[in-house]
Amino acid sequence: MSAETALEHQIAAVYREILGITDITPTDSFFDLGGDSLSALSVINCIEELTGEKVAVSLLLEYQTPRALAIALSKTGRGAACSNLVPIQTGGLRAPLFCPHPFGGHVLHYRPLAKALGSEQPLYGLQARGLHGEASPHLSIPEMAREYIHAIRSVQQRGPYQLVGYSMGGSIAWEMATQLRDAGEEIAILGLLDAKALHTQEEHKRRHPLLGNRPIPDWLSERVVILSMLFPALTKHWKKLKLIDREQQVTALLDFGTKAGSITEMSETQLNHVLAVAEANRTALHEYTPRPNDSRSVLFTAEKGLCISTDQHNGDLGWKQFATGCLEIHRVPGDHYTMVAPPHVGVLASKLDRYLIRDA
């Protein structure tokens, strides 16, 4: 058996373990089997342990089957590069859509949207620095925007640009659009997916809109709160942490969540990288105030999303005061998390598609 075939079998075994599916062939797609953003991180962590190399998320998106991924990893250096720009869907002749990461730094949340928009629409994610421990995470949104603009220019050197950001990604997309307008570039669309304009007061409250604005017990550690913002299913285990020392709560929460199937297992290294990026994201959001922007802006609010948890039932989530151009608002089904997942993402994609450039 060749080393490449052996690796193919090992990757298939990783898929089986992570997804809990026994019958997986070398040509089965990880995402078609039900893989999501969290399980993808677990797969990458396991493959890094197998190969001893850093593996970029983009590699799993591009080579989704055990066979294709084994072939790609067997080529020297294919797994090593970590880039902000993650090609999620590269086929099609339409102008590319660039989507900066939500809170937590990952861009796999955009995969269902790419699929719903159709194969003719190229879509690139912009992931946070530091997810693989390759560098310290950015602590400011303007810094992120500068780096991400440099990244998207490797695909599209000049405007008009199409930017769409989900959750925190809305703030990053807004800043990217503002910097591009400062440079004289045209913005075709600035899309905001259930994104809130200002977060300056959140650190002073024991509530958070990403957690449904529910009261956060004083005895919970900040790292537990941040982890729960990334993986909301973990909130149902909070009561079990009341008698556990704050320094041990994250480990205990992961144990409860893993056993209950609320979260897949992750290594301590992976957890530290995830939390470091999330904590840096939180700092960047708290300190960011959007600048006035004259781009054509479109806000898509979830029916049970941030407008509900922030008591802005008919609101613009704070963007109107910064929009000097057109700001349109559309309501889409789902909550903050399910609006970008099937079946609701189909409605979002249909509404968004009306604003996208038809010809490159």
Protein backbone atom coordinates (compact mmCIF):
# COMPACT_ATOMS: atom_id res chain seq x y z
CA MET A 1 0.00 0.00 0.00
CA SER A 2 1.40 3.40 -0.97
CA ALA A 3 1.80 6.19 1.58
CA GLU A 4 -0.88 8.16 -0.27
CA THR A 5 -3.38 5.28 -0.06
CA ALA A 6 -2.57 4.75 3.61
CA LEU A 7 -3.26 8.44 4.27
CA GLU A 8 -6.54 8.15 2.35
CA HIS A 9 -7.64 5.33 4.67
CA GLN A 10 -6.58 7.32 7.73
CA ILE A 11 -8.57 10.37 6.58
CA ALA A 12 -11.64 8.19 5.95
CA ALA A 13 -11.26 6.84 9.49
CA VAL A 14 -11.12 10.41 10.82
CA TYR A 15 -14.34 11.24 8.94
CA ARG A 16 -16.01 8.16 10.44
CA GLU A 17 -14.95 9.07 13.97
CA ILE A 18 -15.87 12.77 13.76
CA LEU A 19 -19.16 12.33 11.89
CA GLY A 20 -20.22 9.08 13.57
CA ILE A 21 -20.82 7.41 10.19
CA THR A 22 -19.49 3.91 9.64
CA ASP A 23 -19.91 3.60 5.87
CA ILE A 24 -17.60 6.19 4.29
CA THR A 25 -15.87 5.62 0.96
CA PRO A 26 -12.75 7.38 -0.39
CA THR A 27 -14.92 9.46 -2.73
CA ASP A 28 -17.46 10.74 -0.18
CA SER A 29 -17.51 14.50 0.39
CA PHE A 30 -17.05 15.56 4.01
CA PHE A 31 -19.65 18.33 3.75
CA ASP A 32 -22.16 16.22 1.82
CA LEU A 33 -21.94 13.70 4.67
CA GLY A 34 -23.10 16.39 7.10
CA GLY A 35 -19.83 18.02 8.11
CA ASP A 36 -20.13 21.54 9.52
CA SER A 37 -17.76 24.29 10.64
CA LEU A 38 -17.01 22.76 14.04
CA SER A 39 -16.55 19.19 12.83
CA ALA A 40 -14.32 20.52 10.03
CA LEU A 41 -11.99 22.02 12.65
CA SER A 42 -11.85 18.67 14.42
CA VAL A 43 -11.00 16.91 11.15
CA ILE A 44 -8.20 19.39 10.45
CA ASN A 45 -6.85 18.96 13.98
CA CYS A 46 -6.77 15.16 13.56
CA ILE A 47 -5.11 15.38 10.14
CA GLU A 48 -2.46 17.73 11.53
CA GLU A 49 -1.70 15.14 14.20
CA LEU A 50 -1.48 12.42 11.53
CA THR A 51 0.80 14.34 9.16
CA GLY A 52 2.71 16.62 11.53
CA GLU A 53 1.92 19.54 9.21
CA LYS A 54 -0.32 22.59 9.45
CA VAL A 55 -3.44 22.13 7.32
CA ALA A 56 -5.41 25.13 6.05
CA VAL A 57 -9.22 25.10 6.20
CA SER A 58 -9.24 26.01 2.51
CA LEU A 59 -7.68 22.63 1.69
CA LEU A 60 -10.67 20.75 3.12
CA LEU A 61 -13.03 23.04 1.23
CA GLU A 62 -11.19 22.44 -2.03
CA TYR A 63 -10.53 18.71 -1.55
CA GLN A 64 -13.48 17.32 0.37
CA THR A 65 -13.09 13.55 -0.15
CA PRO A 66 -10.52 11.34 1.63
CA ARG A 67 -8.91 10.47 -1.71
CA ALA A 68 -8.64 14.03 -3.01
CA LEU A 69 -7.40 15.34 0.34
CA ALA A 70 -4.77 12.60 0.60
CA ILE A 71 -3.50 13.41 -2.89
CA ALA A 72 -3.33 17.12 -2.08
CA LEU A 73 -1.52 16.54 1.22
CA SER A 74 0.98 14.24 -0.47
CA LYS A 75 2.18 17.12 -2.60
CA THR A 76 5.01 18.97 -0.88
CA GLY A 77 3.90 21.99 1.09
CA ARG A 78 0.21 21.81 0.15
CA GLY A 79 -0.97 21.78 3.73
CA ALA A 80 1.37 24.39 5.15
CA ALA A 81 0.07 27.74 3.90
CA CYS A 82 -2.38 29.68 6.05
CA SER A 83 -4.04 32.57 4.24
CA ASN A 84 -6.76 35.06 5.07
CA LEU A 85 -8.39 34.35 1.72
CA VAL A 86 -10.32 31.06 1.67
CA PRO A 87 -11.80 29.98 -1.68
CA ILE A 88 -15.23 28.55 -0.84
CA GLN A 89 -16.63 28.43 -4.37
CA THR A 90 -14.39 29.34 -7.29
CA GLY A 91 -16.37 28.22 -10.32
CA GLY A 92 -18.54 30.51 -12.40
CA LEU A 93 -17.97 33.67 -14.39
CA ARG A 94 -19.76 36.20 -12.19
CA ALA A 95 -17.94 38.86 -10.18
CA PRO A 96 -16.61 37.40 -6.91
CA LEU A 97 -18.31 37.88 -3.57
CA PHE A 98 -16.00 38.49 -0.60
CA CYS A 99 -17.22 37.54 2.87
CA PRO A 100 -15.24 38.44 6.02
CA HIS A 101 -15.53 36.11 9.00
CA PRO A 102 -18.12 36.34 11.78
CA PHE A 103 -17.20 36.30 15.48
CA GLY A 104 -14.73 33.46 16.04
CA GLY A 105 -12.78 33.94 12.83
CA HIS A 106 -13.93 31.01 10.71
CA VAL A 107 -15.64 31.27 7.32
CA LEU A 108 -17.24 27.85 6.92
CA HIS A 109 -20.60 29.42 7.84
CA TYR A 110 -20.61 30.85 4.30
CA ARG A 111 -20.54 27.48 2.56
CA PRO A 112 -24.35 26.98 2.60
CA LEU A 113 -24.78 30.51 1.20
CA ALA A 114 -22.33 29.80 -1.61
CA LYS A 115 -24.18 26.62 -2.48
CA ALA A 116 -27.56 28.40 -2.38
CA LEU A 117 -26.31 31.19 -4.67
CA GLY A 118 -25.41 28.60 -7.30
CA SER A 119 -22.24 27.39 -8.98
CA GLU A 120 -21.95 30.48 -11.20
CA GLN A 121 -21.24 32.73 -8.19
CA PRO A 122 -17.63 32.68 -6.92
CA LEU A 123 -17.43 33.26 -3.17
CA TYR A 124 -14.32 33.82 -1.05
CA GLY A 125 -14.19 33.88 2.72
CA LEU A 126 -11.77 36.01 4.73
CA GLN A 127 -10.71 34.17 7.87
CA ALA A 128 -9.06 35.62 10.96
CA ARG A 129 -5.35 35.58 11.58
CA GLY A 130 -4.26 33.25 14.38
CA LEU A 131 -6.68 30.33 13.93
CA HIS A 132 -3.73 28.00 13.49
CA GLY A 133 -1.47 29.80 15.96
CA GLU A 134 0.58 31.12 13.04
CA ALA A 135 0.40 34.72 14.32
CA SER A 136 -1.27 36.85 16.97
CA PRO A 137 -4.90 37.71 16.15
CA HIS A 138 -5.79 41.25 15.08
CA LEU A 139 -7.12 43.46 17.87
CA SER A 140 -8.75 46.10 15.65
CA ILE A 141 -11.22 46.00 12.78
CA PRO A 142 -9.38 48.65 10.70
CA GLU A 143 -6.25 46.45 10.87
CA MET A 144 -8.27 43.43 9.74
CA ALA A 145 -9.81 45.42 6.90
CA ARG A 146 -6.42 46.56 5.57
CA GLU A 147 -5.09 43.00 5.54
CA TYR A 148 -8.25 41.57 3.98
CA ILE A 149 -8.31 44.24 1.24
CA HIS A 150 -4.78 43.24 0.32
CA ALA A 151 -5.97 39.62 0.16
CA ILE A 152 -9.00 40.24 -2.08
CA ARG A 153 -6.87 42.25 -4.52
CA SER A 154 -5.02 39.03 -5.33
CA VAL A 155 -8.32 37.91 -6.91
CA GLN A 156 -9.81 41.25 -8.04
CA GLN A 157 -7.44 44.19 -8.40
CA ARG A 158 -10.06 46.89 -8.96
CA GLY A 159 -13.73 47.51 -8.13
CA PRO A 160 -16.63 47.40 -8.22
CA TYR A 161 -16.34 45.11 -5.18
CA GLN A 162 -19.05 42.96 -3.63
CA LEU A 163 -18.74 42.61 0.15
CA VAL A 164 -21.10 40.67 2.41
CA GLY A 165 -20.51 40.11 6.12
CA TYR A 166 -22.39 37.93 8.58
CA SER A 167 -22.56 38.97 12.26
CA MET A 168 -19.16 40.53 13.14
CA GLY A 169 -18.32 40.16 9.45
CA GLY A 170 -20.75 43.01 8.81
CA SER A 171 -18.55 45.43 10.78
CA ILE A 172 -15.45 44.19 8.94
CA ALA A 173 -17.18 44.47 5.54
CA TRP A 174 -18.30 48.02 6.43
CA GLU A 175 -14.74 49.04 7.30
CA MET A 176 -13.36 47.38 4.15
CA ALA A 177 -15.90 49.26 2.04
CA THR A 178 -15.00 52.53 3.79
CA GLN A 179 -11.27 52.04 3.19
CA LEU A 180 -11.87 51.05 -0.43
CA ARG A 181 -14.03 54.16 -0.96
CA ASP A 182 -11.21 56.25 0.59
CA ALA A 183 -8.96 54.77 -2.12
CA GLY A 184 -11.43 55.75 -4.85
CA GLU A 185 -12.84 52.27 -5.44
CA GLU A 186 -16.48 51.48 -6.23
CA ILE A 187 -18.58 49.21 -4.03
CA ALA A 188 -21.37 47.38 -5.89
CA ILE A 189 -22.96 46.06 -2.70
CA LEU A 190 -22.20 46.15 1.00
CA GLY A 191 -24.29 43.38 2.52
CA LEU A 192 -24.86 43.06 6.27
CA LEU A 193 -26.25 39.74 7.53
CA ASP A 194 -27.89 40.22 10.95
CA ALA A 195 -24.97 42.47 11.88
CA LYS A 196 -25.07 45.10 14.61
CA ALA A 197 -23.31 48.46 14.16
CA LEU A 198 -22.15 49.18 17.70
CA HIS A 199 -20.92 46.84 20.44
CA THR A 200 -19.36 49.35 22.82
CA GLN A 201 -21.76 48.70 25.72
CA GLU A 202 -21.78 44.90 25.63
CA GLU A 203 -18.74 44.45 27.87
CA HIS A 204 -20.53 46.32 30.68
CA LYS A 205 -23.53 43.97 30.74
CA ARG A 206 -24.04 40.39 31.88
CA ARG A 207 -26.13 39.83 28.75
CA HIS A 208 -25.22 39.38 25.11
CA PRO A 209 -27.33 39.46 21.92
CA LEU A 210 -25.54 36.41 20.50
CA LEU A 211 -26.86 34.51 23.52
CA GLY A 212 -30.41 35.81 23.05
CA ASN A 213 -29.76 38.62 25.55
CA ARG A 214 -30.41 36.12 28.34
CA PRO A 215 -28.94 36.91 31.79
CA ILE A 216 -25.43 35.53 32.22
CA PRO A 217 -24.82 34.18 35.75
CA ASP A 218 -22.10 35.99 37.69
CA TRP A 219 -20.42 32.71 38.58
CA LEU A 220 -19.65 31.89 34.94
CA SER A 221 -16.13 32.63 33.72
CA GLU A 222 -15.63 35.00 30.77
CA ARG A 223 -14.05 32.20 28.73
CA VAL A 224 -17.17 30.07 29.19
CA VAL A 225 -19.29 32.99 27.95
CA ILE A 226 -17.05 33.44 24.89
CA LEU A 227 -17.06 29.72 24.11
CA SER A 228 -20.84 29.68 24.41
CA MET A 229 -21.10 32.60 21.98
CA LEU A 230 -19.21 30.46 19.48
CA PHE A 231 -21.22 27.32 20.21
CA PRO A 232 -24.66 28.33 21.60
CA ALA A 233 -25.70 24.71 22.21
CA LEU A 234 -23.31 24.75 25.18
CA THR A 235 -25.54 27.16 27.13
CA LYS A 236 -27.80 24.27 28.18
CA HIS A 237 -24.90 22.92 30.27
CA TRP A 238 -24.29 26.15 32.24
CA LYS A 239 -26.14 25.02 35.38
CA LYS A 240 -23.76 22.08 35.74
CA LEU A 241 -20.86 24.53 36.15
CA LYS A 242 -22.19 26.38 39.21
CA LEU A 243 -20.17 24.41 41.75
CA ILE A 244 -17.07 24.10 39.55
CA ASP A 245 -14.06 26.38 40.03
CA ARG A 246 -14.01 29.15 37.39
CA GLU A 247 -10.54 28.12 36.15
CA GLN A 248 -11.87 24.61 35.40
CA GLN A 249 -15.19 25.60 33.84
CA VAL A 250 -14.08 25.64 30.18
CA THR A 251 -12.65 22.13 30.44
CA ALA A 252 -15.78 20.90 32.21
CA LEU A 253 -18.08 22.60 29.68
CA LEU A 254 -16.26 20.96 26.78
CA ASP A 255 -16.55 17.60 28.52
CA PHE A 256 -20.30 18.04 29.10
CA GLY A 257 -20.81 19.29 25.54
CA THR A 258 -18.81 16.48 23.94
CA LYS A 259 -20.62 13.75 25.87
CA ALA A 260 -24.01 15.28 25.00
CA GLY A 261 -23.12 15.69 21.32
CA SER A 262 -23.40 19.50 21.55
CA ILE A 263 -19.82 19.91 20.33
CA THR A 264 -17.16 17.70 18.79
CA GLU A 265 -13.94 16.96 20.66
CA MET A 266 -11.07 19.40 20.22
CA SER A 267 -7.49 19.39 21.42
CA GLU A 268 -6.20 21.81 24.03
CA THR A 269 -4.09 23.53 21.36
CA GLN A 270 -7.08 23.94 19.07
CA LEU A 271 -9.19 25.27 21.95
CA ASN A 272 -6.52 27.83 22.88
CA HIS A 273 -6.31 29.10 19.30
CA VAL A 274 -10.12 29.32 19.02
CA LEU A 275 -10.44 31.23 22.30
CA ALA A 276 -7.50 33.56 21.53
CA VAL A 277 -9.10 34.60 18.23
CA ALA A 278 -12.55 34.98 19.81
CA GLU A 279 -11.20 37.12 22.66
CA ALA A 280 -9.35 39.33 20.15
CA ASN A 281 -12.51 39.58 18.02
CA ARG A 282 -14.48 40.69 21.07
CA THR A 283 -11.95 43.43 21.83
CA ALA A 284 -11.99 44.60 18.21
CA LEU A 285 -15.80 44.78 18.14
CA HIS A 286 -16.06 46.68 21.42
CA GLU A 287 -13.60 49.33 20.22
CA TYR A 288 -14.99 49.79 16.71
CA THR A 289 -17.17 52.71 15.66
CA PRO A 290 -18.16 52.64 11.98
CA ARG A 291 -17.26 55.65 9.85
CA PRO A 292 -19.81 57.26 7.50
CA ASN A 293 -20.10 55.27 4.29
CA ASP A 294 -21.86 56.14 1.03
CA SER A 295 -21.86 52.61 -0.41
CA ARG A 296 -25.08 50.90 -1.44
CA SER A 297 -25.79 48.99 1.75
CA VAL A 298 -28.30 46.20 2.30
CA LEU A 299 -29.13 44.86 5.76
CA PHE A 300 -30.67 41.39 6.03
CA THR A 301 -32.16 40.90 9.50
CA ALA A 302 -33.26 37.52 10.83
CA GLU A 303 -36.89 37.32 11.97
CA LYS A 304 -35.77 35.89 15.32
CA GLY A 305 -32.30 37.42 15.29
CA LEU A 306 -30.56 40.46 16.76
CA CYS A 307 -33.55 42.76 16.20
CA ILE A 308 -35.39 40.64 18.78
CA SER A 309 -32.55 40.15 21.26
CA THR A 310 -31.70 43.87 21.16
CA ASP A 311 -35.37 45.04 21.24
CA GLN A 312 -35.06 46.68 17.81
CA HIS A 313 -38.03 44.90 16.25
CA ASN A 314 -38.30 47.28 13.30
CA GLY A 315 -34.78 48.62 13.55
CA ASP A 316 -31.73 49.04 11.39
CA LEU A 317 -29.42 47.57 14.09
CA GLY A 318 -27.72 50.97 14.33
CA TRP A 319 -26.47 51.29 10.73
CA LYS A 320 -28.69 54.12 9.47
CA GLN A 321 -26.74 56.77 11.38
CA PHE A 322 -23.57 55.79 9.51
CA ALA A 323 -25.08 55.23 6.05
CA THR A 324 -24.76 58.40 3.97
CA GLY A 325 -25.92 56.52 0.89
CA CYS A 326 -28.71 54.01 0.37
CA LEU A 327 -29.54 51.54 3.18
CA GLU A 328 -32.15 48.92 2.35
CA ILE A 329 -33.50 46.46 4.92
CA HIS A 330 -34.89 42.98 4.28
CA ARG A 331 -36.28 40.51 6.79
CA VAL A 332 -35.40 36.82 6.28
CA PRO A 333 -36.56 33.70 8.16
CA GLY A 334 -34.63 32.06 11.00
CA ASP A 335 -32.63 33.28 13.96
CA HIS A 336 -29.11 34.71 14.03
CA TYR A 337 -27.59 31.28 13.45
CA THR A 338 -30.14 29.46 11.28
CA MET A 339 -30.57 32.28 8.74
CA VAL A 340 -27.31 31.18 7.06
CA ALA A 341 -28.15 27.45 7.20
CA PRO A 342 -30.63 25.31 5.23
CA PRO A 343 -33.49 25.73 4.70
CA HIS A 344 -33.57 29.46 5.54
CA VAL A 345 -30.38 30.29 3.64
CA GLY A 346 -32.29 29.70 0.39
CA VAL A 347 -34.49 32.74 1.08
CA LEU A 348 -31.45 34.83 2.03
CA ALA A 349 -29.62 33.81 -1.15
CA SER A 350 -32.64 34.64 -3.31
CA LYS A 351 -32.93 38.15 -1.86
CA LEU A 352 -29.16 38.76 -1.93
CA ASP A 353 -28.81 37.55 -5.52
CA ARG A 354 -30.93 40.46 -6.78
CA TYR A 355 -28.16 42.86 -5.78
CA LEU A 356 -25.19 40.96 -7.20
CA ILE A 357 -23.42 41.77 -10.45
CA ARG A 358 -24.58 39.44 -13.19
CA ASP A 359 -21.55 39.69 -15.45
CA ALA A 360 -17.89 39.86 -14.44
